Amino acid sequence: MLTFYFAPGSSSMAPHIALHEIGRPFESRPISFARKENHAPAYLALNPEGKVPTLLIDGTPLTEVAAILFYLAKRFPEAGLLPDWDILAEAQVISWMSFIASTIHPARRQGMERSKEVFAIADRKLGRQQWVLARYSIADIHLFRLYWRFANSFHPAPGMFPNLSSHYDRMMARPAVQQTCKIEAAIGYELPA
């Protein structure tokens, strides 16, 4: 049994998309930042940091976006979210996800100039290829979520990040992304500045 704790529009959007990609049933538990539900004792017992996401796997909590994405990809290989055809490709996914978590994610708090700088790096790294690697993976989901927030918050000029913008459009065409965005928008976004 999978139970997913998330806050709409937050970093938890990435595993939320992955859960829809794998197509297995899961229980949704939205968390309100405005009502500080992430600091409620019951939630802190699952995730002492009070962050989202948390995925309960048969009652055992798993936290952090990259770990949850990796678990879902490995546990449900039929979804094709991890290039398990060779170890180098799998390591490249981990490399991208580490770059996303350690460089792109904290840039928002470092200001607009730093955000533009790191998205320019990501745009160059991505290049003109359709997906981060030869085929769609959890790295695409992770990258999309951060660019989704940046693009919808700061509205970069057309052509500023052409490769990321094309990737964004391809991601938005995926049914799992559309389903996740619809569900999260219906609940409402309470994102911190």
C-alpha atoms as a PDB file:
ATOM      1  CA  MET A   1       0.000   0.000   0.000  1.00  0.00           C
ATOM      2  CA  LEU A   2       1.319   3.414  -1.012  1.00  0.00           C
ATOM      3  CA  THR A   3       0.236   6.569   0.812  1.00  0.00           C
ATOM      4  CA  PHE A   4       1.534   9.850  -0.578  1.00  0.00           C
ATOM      5  CA  TYR A   5       1.810  13.061   1.454  1.00  0.00           C
ATOM      6  CA  PHE A   6       2.240  16.133  -0.744  1.00  0.00           C
ATOM      7  CA  ALA A   7       1.690  19.881  -0.943  1.00  0.00           C
ATOM      8  CA  PRO A   8       0.380  21.054  -4.340  1.00  0.00           C
ATOM      9  CA  GLY A   9       3.029  22.711  -6.508  1.00  0.00           C
ATOM     10  CA  SER A  10       5.874  21.967  -4.104  1.00  0.00           C
ATOM     11  CA  SER A  11       8.761  19.603  -4.769  1.00  0.00           C
ATOM     12  CA  SER A  12       6.356  16.760  -4.077  1.00  0.00           C
ATOM     13  CA  MET A  13       4.876  17.381  -7.532  1.00  0.00           C
ATOM     14  CA  ALA A  14       7.684  15.277  -9.067  1.00  0.00           C
ATOM     15  CA  PRO A  15       6.875  12.039  -7.225  1.00  0.00           C
ATOM     16  CA  HIS A  16       3.175  12.806  -7.678  1.00  0.00           C
ATOM     17  CA  ILE A  17       3.741  12.742 -11.453  1.00  0.00           C
ATOM     18  CA  ALA A  18       5.767   9.520 -11.136  1.00  0.00           C
ATOM     19  CA  LEU A  19       2.944   7.884  -9.177  1.00  0.00           C
ATOM     20  CA  HIS A  20       0.570   8.698 -12.027  1.00  0.00           C
ATOM     21  CA  GLU A  21       3.134   7.425 -14.546  1.00  0.00           C
ATOM     22  CA  ILE A  22       3.385   4.027 -12.864  1.00  0.00           C
ATOM     23  CA  GLY A  23      -0.384   3.706 -12.835  1.00  0.00           C
ATOM     24  CA  ARG A  24      -0.679   1.857  -9.526  1.00  0.00           C
ATOM     25  CA  PRO A  25      -3.259   2.809  -6.894  1.00  0.00           C
ATOM     26  CA  PHE A  26      -2.109   5.061  -4.066  1.00  0.00           C
ATOM     27  CA  GLU A  27      -3.771   7.045  -1.324  1.00  0.00           C
ATOM     28  CA  SER A  28      -3.343  10.823  -1.533  1.00  0.00           C
ATOM     29  CA  ARG A  29      -2.851  12.934   1.574  1.00  0.00           C
ATOM     30  CA  PRO A  30      -2.530  16.632   0.719  1.00  0.00           C
ATOM     31  CA  ILE A  31      -0.711  18.750   3.310  1.00  0.00           C
ATOM     32  CA  SER A  32      -1.513  22.433   3.817  1.00  0.00           C
ATOM     33  CA  PHE A  33       1.461  24.695   4.471  1.00  0.00           C
ATOM     34  CA  ALA A  34      -0.930  27.556   5.346  1.00  0.00           C
ATOM     35  CA  ARG A  35      -2.486  25.475   8.124  1.00  0.00           C
ATOM     36  CA  LYS A  36       0.999  24.195   9.103  1.00  0.00           C
ATOM     37  CA  GLU A  37      -0.105  20.584   8.715  1.00  0.00           C
ATOM     38  CA  ASN A  38       3.503  19.722   7.898  1.00  0.00           C
ATOM     39  CA  HIS A  39       4.335  20.583  11.545  1.00  0.00           C
ATOM     40  CA  ALA A  40       1.521  18.569  13.121  1.00  0.00           C
ATOM     41  CA  PRO A  41       2.814  15.891  15.517  1.00  0.00           C
ATOM     42  CA  ALA A  42       1.282  13.053  13.475  1.00  0.00           C
ATOM     43  CA  TYR A  43       3.095  14.225  10.326  1.00  0.00           C
ATOM     44  CA  LEU A  44       6.368  14.909  12.148  1.00  0.00           C
ATOM     45  CA  ALA A  45       6.257  11.303  13.366  1.00  0.00           C
ATOM     46  CA  LEU A  46       6.494  10.288   9.686  1.00  0.00           C
ATOM     47  CA  ASN A  47       8.879  12.995   8.516  1.00  0.00           C
ATOM     48  CA  PRO A  48      10.714  14.760  11.385  1.00  0.00           C
ATOM     49  CA  GLU A  49      11.855  17.530   9.016  1.00  0.00           C
ATOM     50  CA  GLY A  50       8.253  18.524   8.383  1.00  0.00           C
ATOM     51  CA  LYS A  51       8.878  18.608   4.645  1.00  0.00           C
ATOM     52  CA  VAL A  52       7.067  17.055   1.740  1.00  0.00           C
ATOM     53  CA  PRO A  53       7.011  14.638   0.101  1.00  0.00           C
ATOM     54  CA  THR A  54       6.657  11.543   2.208  1.00  0.00           C
ATOM     55  CA  LEU A  55       5.701   8.217   0.686  1.00  0.00           C
ATOM     56  CA  LEU A  56       4.495   5.541   3.078  1.00  0.00           C
ATOM     57  CA  ILE A  57       5.337   2.120   1.687  1.00  0.00           C
ATOM     58  CA  ASP A  58       3.356  -0.459   3.625  1.00  0.00           C
ATOM     59  CA  GLY A  59       3.641   1.877   6.620  1.00  0.00           C
ATOM     60  CA  THR A  60       7.365   2.671   6.242  1.00  0.00           C
ATOM     61  CA  PRO A  61       8.088   6.332   5.417  1.00  0.00           C
ATOM     62  CA  LEU A  62      10.407   7.314   2.588  1.00  0.00           C
ATOM     63  CA  THR A  63      11.312  10.992   2.202  1.00  0.00           C
ATOM     64  CA  GLU A  64      13.187  13.193  -0.289  1.00  0.00           C
ATOM     65  CA  VAL A  65      12.178  13.618  -3.926  1.00  0.00           C
ATOM     66  CA  ALA A  66      15.139  11.789  -5.471  1.00  0.00           C
ATOM     67  CA  ALA A  67      14.779   8.787  -3.160  1.00  0.00           C
ATOM     68  CA  ILE A  68      11.050   8.460  -3.833  1.00  0.00           C
ATOM     69  CA  LEU A  69      11.543   8.824  -7.587  1.00  0.00           C
ATOM     70  CA  PHE A  70      14.306   6.205  -7.523  1.00  0.00           C
ATOM     71  CA  TYR A  71      12.193   3.817  -5.442  1.00  0.00           C
ATOM     72  CA  LEU A  72       9.179   4.123  -7.756  1.00  0.00           C
ATOM     73  CA  ALA A  73      11.318   3.635 -10.878  1.00  0.00           C
ATOM     74  CA  LYS A  74      13.065   0.560  -9.455  1.00  0.00           C
ATOM     75  CA  ARG A  75       9.965  -0.941  -7.846  1.00  0.00           C
ATOM     76  CA  PHE A  76       7.832  -0.538 -10.981  1.00  0.00           C
ATOM     77  CA  PRO A  77      10.258  -1.096 -13.870  1.00  0.00           C
ATOM     78  CA  GLU A  78       7.413  -1.722 -16.296  1.00  0.00           C
ATOM     79  CA  ALA A  79       6.767   2.049 -16.233  1.00  0.00           C
ATOM     80  CA  GLY A  80      10.162   2.594 -17.899  1.00  0.00           C
ATOM     81  CA  LEU A  81      11.169   5.510 -15.666  1.00  0.00           C
ATOM     82  CA  LEU A  82      14.782   4.404 -15.188  1.00  0.00           C
ATOM     83  CA  PRO A  83      17.179   3.410 -17.968  1.00  0.00           C
ATOM     84  CA  ASP A  84      18.107   0.099 -16.405  1.00  0.00           C
ATOM     85  CA  TRP A  85      19.525  -1.120 -19.711  1.00  0.00           C
ATOM     86  CA  ASP A  86      22.995  -0.055 -18.570  1.00  0.00           C
ATOM     87  CA  ILE A  87      24.650   1.142 -15.409  1.00  0.00           C
ATOM     88  CA  LEU A  88      26.144   4.284 -16.988  1.00  0.00           C
ATOM     89  CA  ALA A  89      22.725   5.526 -18.116  1.00  0.00           C
ATOM     90  CA  GLU A  90      21.332   4.847 -14.639  1.00  0.00           C
ATOM     91  CA  ALA A  91      24.259   6.776 -13.115  1.00  0.00           C
ATOM     92  CA  GLN A  92      23.565   9.664 -15.510  1.00  0.00           C
ATOM     93  CA  VAL A  93      20.012   9.846 -14.169  1.00  0.00           C
ATOM     94  CA  ILE A  94      21.416  10.046 -10.635  1.00  0.00           C
ATOM     95  CA  SER A  95      23.901  12.697 -11.785  1.00  0.00           C
ATOM     96  CA  TRP A  96      21.096  14.835 -13.230  1.00  0.00           C
ATOM     97  CA  MET A  97      18.973  14.389 -10.111  1.00  0.00           C
ATOM     98  CA  SER A  98      21.897  15.366  -7.884  1.00  0.00           C
ATOM     99  CA  PHE A  99      22.467  18.488 -10.029  1.00  0.00           C
ATOM    100  CA  ILE A 100      18.769  19.317  -9.814  1.00  0.00           C
ATOM    101  CA  ALA A 101      18.627  18.867  -6.027  1.00  0.00           C
ATOM    102  CA  SER A 102      21.932  20.518  -5.134  1.00  0.00           C
ATOM    103  CA  THR A 103      22.195  23.298  -7.737  1.00  0.00           C
ATOM    104  CA  ILE A 104      18.840  24.115  -9.318  1.00  0.00           C
ATOM    105  CA  HIS A 105      16.590  23.712  -6.277  1.00  0.00           C
ATOM    106  CA  PRO A 106      18.483  26.056  -3.909  1.00  0.00           C
ATOM    107  CA  ALA A 107      18.962  28.714  -6.617  1.00  0.00           C
ATOM    108  CA  ARG A 108      15.462  30.136  -6.052  1.00  0.00           C
ATOM    109  CA  ARG A 109      16.460  31.256  -2.573  1.00  0.00           C
ATOM    110  CA  GLN A 110      19.693  32.734  -3.916  1.00  0.00           C
ATOM    111  CA  GLY A 111      17.886  35.259  -6.122  1.00  0.00           C
ATOM    112  CA  MET A 112      16.770  35.761  -9.691  1.00  0.00           C
ATOM    113  CA  GLU A 113      20.257  36.117 -11.161  1.00  0.00           C
ATOM    114  CA  ARG A 114      21.395  32.814  -9.662  1.00  0.00           C
ATOM    115  CA  SER A 115      18.198  31.136 -10.858  1.00  0.00           C
ATOM    116  CA  LYS A 116      18.786  32.357 -14.399  1.00  0.00           C
ATOM    117  CA  GLU A 117      22.402  31.213 -14.217  1.00  0.00           C
ATOM    118  CA  VAL A 118      21.563  27.654 -13.152  1.00  0.00           C
ATOM    119  CA  PHE A 119      18.685  27.310 -15.610  1.00  0.00           C
ATOM    120  CA  ALA A 120      21.071  28.446 -18.357  1.00  0.00           C
ATOM    121  CA  ILE A 121      23.407  25.617 -17.291  1.00  0.00           C
ATOM    122  CA  ALA A 122      20.508  23.149 -17.322  1.00  0.00           C
ATOM    123  CA  ASP A 123      19.421  24.429 -20.734  1.00  0.00           C
ATOM    124  CA  ARG A 124      22.924  23.786 -22.131  1.00  0.00           C
ATOM    125  CA  LYS A 125      23.158  20.369 -20.446  1.00  0.00           C
ATOM    126  CA  LEU A 126      19.799  19.328 -21.859  1.00  0.00           C
ATOM    127  CA  GLY A 127      20.625  20.559 -25.334  1.00  0.00           C
ATOM    128  CA  ARG A 128      18.192  19.882 -28.137  1.00  0.00           C
ATOM    129  CA  GLN A 129      17.499  16.292 -27.170  1.00  0.00           C
ATOM    130  CA  GLN A 130      13.936  15.288 -26.442  1.00  0.00           C
ATOM    131  CA  TRP A 131      14.627  13.926 -22.945  1.00  0.00           C
ATOM    132  CA  VAL A 132      17.472  14.222 -20.434  1.00  0.00           C
ATOM    133  CA  LEU A 133      18.746  10.842 -21.683  1.00  0.00           C
ATOM    134  CA  ALA A 134      17.838   8.715 -24.683  1.00  0.00           C
ATOM    135  CA  ARG A 135      14.338   8.145 -23.308  1.00  0.00           C
ATOM    136  CA  TYR A 136      11.983   9.585 -20.708  1.00  0.00           C
ATOM    137  CA  SER A 137      13.011   9.027 -17.076  1.00  0.00           C
ATOM    138  CA  ILE A 138      12.619  10.217 -13.506  1.00  0.00           C
ATOM    139  CA  ALA A 139      15.285  12.851 -14.241  1.00  0.00           C
ATOM    140  CA  ASP A 140      12.871  14.487 -16.708  1.00  0.00           C
ATOM    141  CA  ILE A 141      10.161  14.542 -14.061  1.00  0.00           C
ATOM    142  CA  HIS A 142      12.506  16.076 -11.479  1.00  0.00           C
ATOM    143  CA  LEU A 143      13.805  18.717 -13.910  1.00  0.00           C
ATOM    144  CA  PHE A 144      10.300  19.570 -15.105  1.00  0.00           C
ATOM    145  CA  ARG A 145       8.945  20.310 -11.648  1.00  0.00           C
ATOM    146  CA  LEU A 146      11.601  22.927 -10.894  1.00  0.00           C
ATOM    147  CA  TYR A 147      11.359  24.551 -14.315  1.00  0.00           C
ATOM    148  CA  TRP A 148       7.541  24.450 -14.023  1.00  0.00           C
ATOM    149  CA  ARG A 149       7.714  26.570 -10.875  1.00  0.00           C
ATOM    150  CA  PHE A 150      10.298  28.955 -12.333  1.00  0.00           C
ATOM    151  CA  ALA A 151       8.410  29.375 -15.623  1.00  0.00           C
ATOM    152  CA  ASN A 152       5.054  29.923 -13.907  1.00  0.00           C
ATOM    153  CA  SER A 153       6.462  32.304 -11.288  1.00  0.00           C
ATOM    154  CA  PHE A 154       8.929  34.388 -13.268  1.00  0.00           C
ATOM    155  CA  HIS A 155       7.748  33.991 -16.870  1.00  0.00           C
ATOM    156  CA  PRO A 156      11.150  34.021 -18.585  1.00  0.00           C
ATOM    157  CA  ALA A 157      11.305  35.782 -21.938  1.00  0.00           C
ATOM    158  CA  PRO A 158      10.564  33.586 -24.942  1.00  0.00           C
ATOM    159  CA  GLY A 159      13.789  32.042 -26.184  1.00  0.00           C
ATOM    160  CA  MET A 160      15.677  32.585 -22.912  1.00  0.00           C
ATOM    161  CA  PHE A 161      15.796  28.832 -22.224  1.00  0.00           C
ATOM    162  CA  PRO A 162      14.725  27.234 -25.525  1.00  0.00           C
ATOM    163  CA  ASN A 163      15.670  23.663 -24.622  1.00  0.00           C
ATOM    164  CA  LEU A 164      13.987  23.764 -21.216  1.00  0.00           C
ATOM    165  CA  SER A 165      10.907  25.402 -22.756  1.00  0.00           C
ATOM    166  CA  SER A 166      10.639  22.629 -25.358  1.00  0.00           C
ATOM    167  CA  HIS A 167      11.116  20.024 -22.624  1.00  0.00           C
ATOM    168  CA  TYR A 168       8.386  21.758 -20.572  1.00  0.00           C
ATOM    169  CA  ASP A 169       5.983  21.564 -23.527  1.00  0.00           C
ATOM    170  CA  ARG A 170       6.710  17.850 -24.047  1.00  0.00           C
ATOM    171  CA  MET A 171       6.175  17.207 -20.343  1.00  0.00           C
ATOM    172  CA  MET A 172       2.896  19.145 -20.290  1.00  0.00           C
ATOM    173  CA  ALA A 173       1.636  16.893 -23.106  1.00  0.00           C
ATOM    174  CA  ARG A 174       2.051  13.774 -20.934  1.00  0.00           C
ATOM    175  CA  PRO A 175      -1.213  12.496 -19.405  1.00  0.00           C
ATOM    176  CA  ALA A 176       0.427  11.893 -15.992  1.00  0.00           C
ATOM    177  CA  VAL A 177       1.619  15.511 -15.854  1.00  0.00           C
ATOM    178  CA  GLN A 178      -1.778  16.832 -16.923  1.00  0.00           C
ATOM    179  CA  GLN A 179      -3.512  14.672 -14.311  1.00  0.00           C
ATOM    180  CA  THR A 180      -1.138  15.802 -11.548  1.00  0.00           C
ATOM    181  CA  CYS A 181      -1.477  19.487 -12.464  1.00  0.00           C
ATOM    182  CA  LYS A 182      -5.273  19.194 -12.547  1.00  0.00           C
ATOM    183  CA  ILE A 183      -5.431  17.514  -9.119  1.00  0.00           C
ATOM    184  CA  GLU A 184      -2.977  19.918  -7.493  1.00  0.00           C
ATOM    185  CA  ALA A 185      -4.566  23.044  -8.989  1.00  0.00           C
ATOM    186  CA  ALA A 186      -7.989  21.907  -7.746  1.00  0.00           C
ATOM    187  CA  ILE A 187      -6.620  21.605  -4.194  1.00  0.00           C
ATOM    188  CA  GLY A 188      -4.811  24.963  -4.520  1.00  0.00           C
ATOM    189  CA  TYR A 189      -1.228  26.124  -4.301  1.00  0.00           C
ATOM    190  CA  GLU A 190       0.236  27.517  -1.047  1.00  0.00           C
ATOM    191  CA  LEU A 191       3.836  27.889  -2.099  1.00  0.00           C
ATOM    192  CA  PRO A 192       6.270  29.924  -0.036  1.00  0.00           C
ATOM    193  CA  ALA A 193       7.964  32.850  -1.749  1.00  0.00           C
END
